[in-house]
Amino acid sequence: MRFNTTMLAASGVDFSPVIAPILEVINALLWPCIAIVGAVGTIYCIFLGLKIAKSDEQNSREKAKKDLIGAIIGFMIIFVLIVALKIAMPILQNWVQNQI
């Protein structure tokens, strides 16, 4: 037998005491995660910029440049996903409440 939310809602199961603390923890962690990703990304990009400036050989400069581009793209993706989750949290909360 396959369980779905309509069967649970019909049986009168209330998941709000379980869901509420989880959503509170996620909401509480999103802003610190944005700050940490921003700080670590900035420090790492500064480190790679210094590595480019200090490199004497063309090969090491090119490698540092590729690392810097990869780091910027990676941190931007992580940052955008965290902000998207922060924006989507109220939508997800409403959807969960409608499913119950």
C-alpha atoms as a PDB file:
ATOM      1  CA  MET A   1       0.000   0.000   0.000  1.00  0.00           C
ATOM      2  CA  ARG A   2       1.356   3.380  -0.973  1.00  0.00           C
ATOM      3  CA  PHE A   3       1.071   6.243   1.505  1.00  0.00           C
ATOM      4  CA  ASN A   4       0.450   9.779   0.381  1.00  0.00           C
ATOM      5  CA  THR A   5      -0.527  13.026   2.032  1.00  0.00           C
ATOM      6  CA  THR A   6      -4.243  12.703   1.239  1.00  0.00           C
ATOM      7  CA  MET A   7      -4.396   9.410   3.110  1.00  0.00           C
ATOM      8  CA  LEU A   8      -2.612  10.978   6.059  1.00  0.00           C
ATOM      9  CA  ALA A   9      -4.851  14.034   6.021  1.00  0.00           C
ATOM     10  CA  ALA A  10      -7.914  11.815   5.844  1.00  0.00           C
ATOM     11  CA  SER A  11      -6.695   9.815   8.830  1.00  0.00           C
ATOM     12  CA  GLY A  12      -6.387  12.985  10.908  1.00  0.00           C
ATOM     13  CA  VAL A  13      -2.628  12.882  11.448  1.00  0.00           C
ATOM     14  CA  ASP A  14      -1.256  16.303  12.413  1.00  0.00           C
ATOM     15  CA  PHE A  15       2.364  16.813  11.368  1.00  0.00           C
ATOM     16  CA  SER A  16       2.623  20.461  12.373  1.00  0.00           C
ATOM     17  CA  PRO A  17       4.379  19.695  15.712  1.00  0.00           C
ATOM     18  CA  VAL A  18       7.039  17.810  13.758  1.00  0.00           C
ATOM     19  CA  ILE A  19       7.327  20.197  10.818  1.00  0.00           C
ATOM     20  CA  ALA A  20       7.398  23.489  12.770  1.00  0.00           C
ATOM     21  CA  PRO A  21      10.746  22.907  14.573  1.00  0.00           C
ATOM     22  CA  ILE A  22      12.389  21.718  11.357  1.00  0.00           C
ATOM     23  CA  LEU A  23      11.271  24.822   9.481  1.00  0.00           C
ATOM     24  CA  GLU A  24      12.411  27.056  12.344  1.00  0.00           C
ATOM     25  CA  VAL A  25      15.883  25.490  12.299  1.00  0.00           C
ATOM     26  CA  ILE A  26      16.156  25.881   8.530  1.00  0.00           C
ATOM     27  CA  ASN A  27      15.033  29.515   8.720  1.00  0.00           C
ATOM     28  CA  ALA A  28      17.474  30.212  11.557  1.00  0.00           C
ATOM     29  CA  LEU A  29      20.413  28.722   9.645  1.00  0.00           C
ATOM     30  CA  LEU A  30      19.885  30.395   6.272  1.00  0.00           C
ATOM     31  CA  TRP A  31      21.145  33.901   7.133  1.00  0.00           C
ATOM     32  CA  PRO A  32      24.287  32.632   8.885  1.00  0.00           C
ATOM     33  CA  CYS A  33      24.931  30.358   5.887  1.00  0.00           C
ATOM     34  CA  ILE A  34      24.701  33.351   3.550  1.00  0.00           C
ATOM     35  CA  ALA A  35      27.172  35.260   5.730  1.00  0.00           C
ATOM     36  CA  ILE A  36      29.584  32.321   5.950  1.00  0.00           C
ATOM     37  CA  VAL A  37      29.503  31.652   2.202  1.00  0.00           C
ATOM     38  CA  GLY A  38      30.074  35.338   1.502  1.00  0.00           C
ATOM     39  CA  ALA A  39      32.962  35.622   3.968  1.00  0.00           C
ATOM     40  CA  VAL A  40      34.689  32.394   2.928  1.00  0.00           C
ATOM     41  CA  GLY A  41      34.199  33.232  -0.748  1.00  0.00           C
ATOM     42  CA  THR A  42      35.686  36.686  -0.311  1.00  0.00           C
ATOM     43  CA  ILE A  43      38.680  35.450   1.667  1.00  0.00           C
ATOM     44  CA  TYR A  44      39.368  32.614  -0.775  1.00  0.00           C
ATOM     45  CA  CYS A  45      39.112  34.928  -3.795  1.00  0.00           C
ATOM     46  CA  ILE A  46      41.495  37.405  -2.152  1.00  0.00           C
ATOM     47  CA  PHE A  47      43.908  34.528  -1.476  1.00  0.00           C
ATOM     48  CA  LEU A  48      43.724  33.419  -5.119  1.00  0.00           C
ATOM     49  CA  GLY A  49      44.167  37.015  -6.288  1.00  0.00           C
ATOM     50  CA  LEU A  50      47.317  37.310  -4.222  1.00  0.00           C
ATOM     51  CA  LYS A  51      48.486  33.999  -5.632  1.00  0.00           C
ATOM     52  CA  ILE A  52      48.039  35.392  -9.162  1.00  0.00           C
ATOM     53  CA  ALA A  53      49.903  38.575  -8.239  1.00  0.00           C
ATOM     54  CA  LYS A  54      52.815  36.708  -6.643  1.00  0.00           C
ATOM     55  CA  SER A  55      53.241  34.047  -9.324  1.00  0.00           C
ATOM     56  CA  ASP A  56      56.280  34.449 -11.525  1.00  0.00           C
ATOM     57  CA  GLU A  57      55.678  31.674 -14.020  1.00  0.00           C
ATOM     58  CA  GLN A  58      52.985  31.778 -16.687  1.00  0.00           C
ATOM     59  CA  ASN A  59      51.763  28.231 -15.862  1.00  0.00           C
ATOM     60  CA  SER A  60      51.176  28.981 -12.207  1.00  0.00           C
ATOM     61  CA  ARG A  61      49.454  32.262 -13.114  1.00  0.00           C
ATOM     62  CA  GLU A  62      47.101  30.468 -15.526  1.00  0.00           C
ATOM     63  CA  LYS A  63      46.331  27.781 -12.941  1.00  0.00           C
ATOM     64  CA  ALA A  64      45.583  30.414 -10.288  1.00  0.00           C
ATOM     65  CA  LYS A  65      43.396  32.301 -12.767  1.00  0.00           C
ATOM     66  CA  LYS A  66      41.396  29.132 -13.533  1.00  0.00           C
ATOM     67  CA  ASP A  67      41.071  28.429  -9.805  1.00  0.00           C
ATOM     68  CA  LEU A  68      39.806  31.974  -9.222  1.00  0.00           C
ATOM     69  CA  ILE A  69      37.200  31.715 -11.969  1.00  0.00           C
ATOM     70  CA  GLY A  70      36.051  28.329 -10.641  1.00  0.00           C
ATOM     71  CA  ALA A  71      35.861  29.662  -7.088  1.00  0.00           C
ATOM     72  CA  ILE A  72      33.827  32.706  -8.128  1.00  0.00           C
ATOM     73  CA  ILE A  73      31.388  30.573 -10.127  1.00  0.00           C
ATOM     74  CA  GLY A  74      31.091  28.008  -7.318  1.00  0.00           C
ATOM     75  CA  PHE A  75      30.490  30.571  -4.600  1.00  0.00           C
ATOM     76  CA  MET A  76      27.966  32.425  -6.749  1.00  0.00           C
ATOM     77  CA  ILE A  77      26.023  29.198  -7.354  1.00  0.00           C
ATOM     78  CA  ILE A  78      26.020  28.368  -3.642  1.00  0.00           C
ATOM     79  CA  PHE A  79      24.982  31.920  -2.746  1.00  0.00           C
ATOM     80  CA  VAL A  80      22.140  31.958  -5.301  1.00  0.00           C
ATOM     81  CA  LEU A  81      20.862  28.574  -4.099  1.00  0.00           C
ATOM     82  CA  ILE A  82      20.837  29.679  -0.459  1.00  0.00           C
ATOM     83  CA  VAL A  83      19.010  32.913  -1.329  1.00  0.00           C
ATOM     84  CA  ALA A  84      16.539  30.941  -3.462  1.00  0.00           C
ATOM     85  CA  LEU A  85      15.885  28.624  -0.519  1.00  0.00           C
ATOM     86  CA  LYS A  86      15.345  31.643   1.728  1.00  0.00           C
ATOM     87  CA  ILE A  87      12.834  33.052  -0.753  1.00  0.00           C
ATOM     88  CA  ALA A  88      11.142  29.680  -1.268  1.00  0.00           C
ATOM     89  CA  MET A  89      10.704  28.873   2.445  1.00  0.00           C
ATOM     90  CA  PRO A  90       7.347  30.701   2.841  1.00  0.00           C
ATOM     91  CA  ILE A  91       6.074  29.035  -0.333  1.00  0.00           C
ATOM     92  CA  LEU A  92       7.164  25.624   0.959  1.00  0.00           C
ATOM     93  CA  GLN A  93       5.557  26.305   4.355  1.00  0.00           C
ATOM     94  CA  ASN A  94       2.244  27.172   2.681  1.00  0.00           C
ATOM     95  CA  TRP A  95       2.456  24.087   0.495  1.00  0.00           C
ATOM     96  CA  VAL A  96       3.111  21.821   3.484  1.00  0.00           C
ATOM     97  CA  GLN A  97       0.237  23.398   5.415  1.00  0.00           C
ATOM     98  CA  ASN A  98      -2.091  22.844   2.451  1.00  0.00           C
ATOM     99  CA  GLN A  99      -1.033  19.207   2.219  1.00  0.00           C
ATOM    100  CA  ILE A 100      -1.886  18.514   5.847  1.00  0.00           C
END
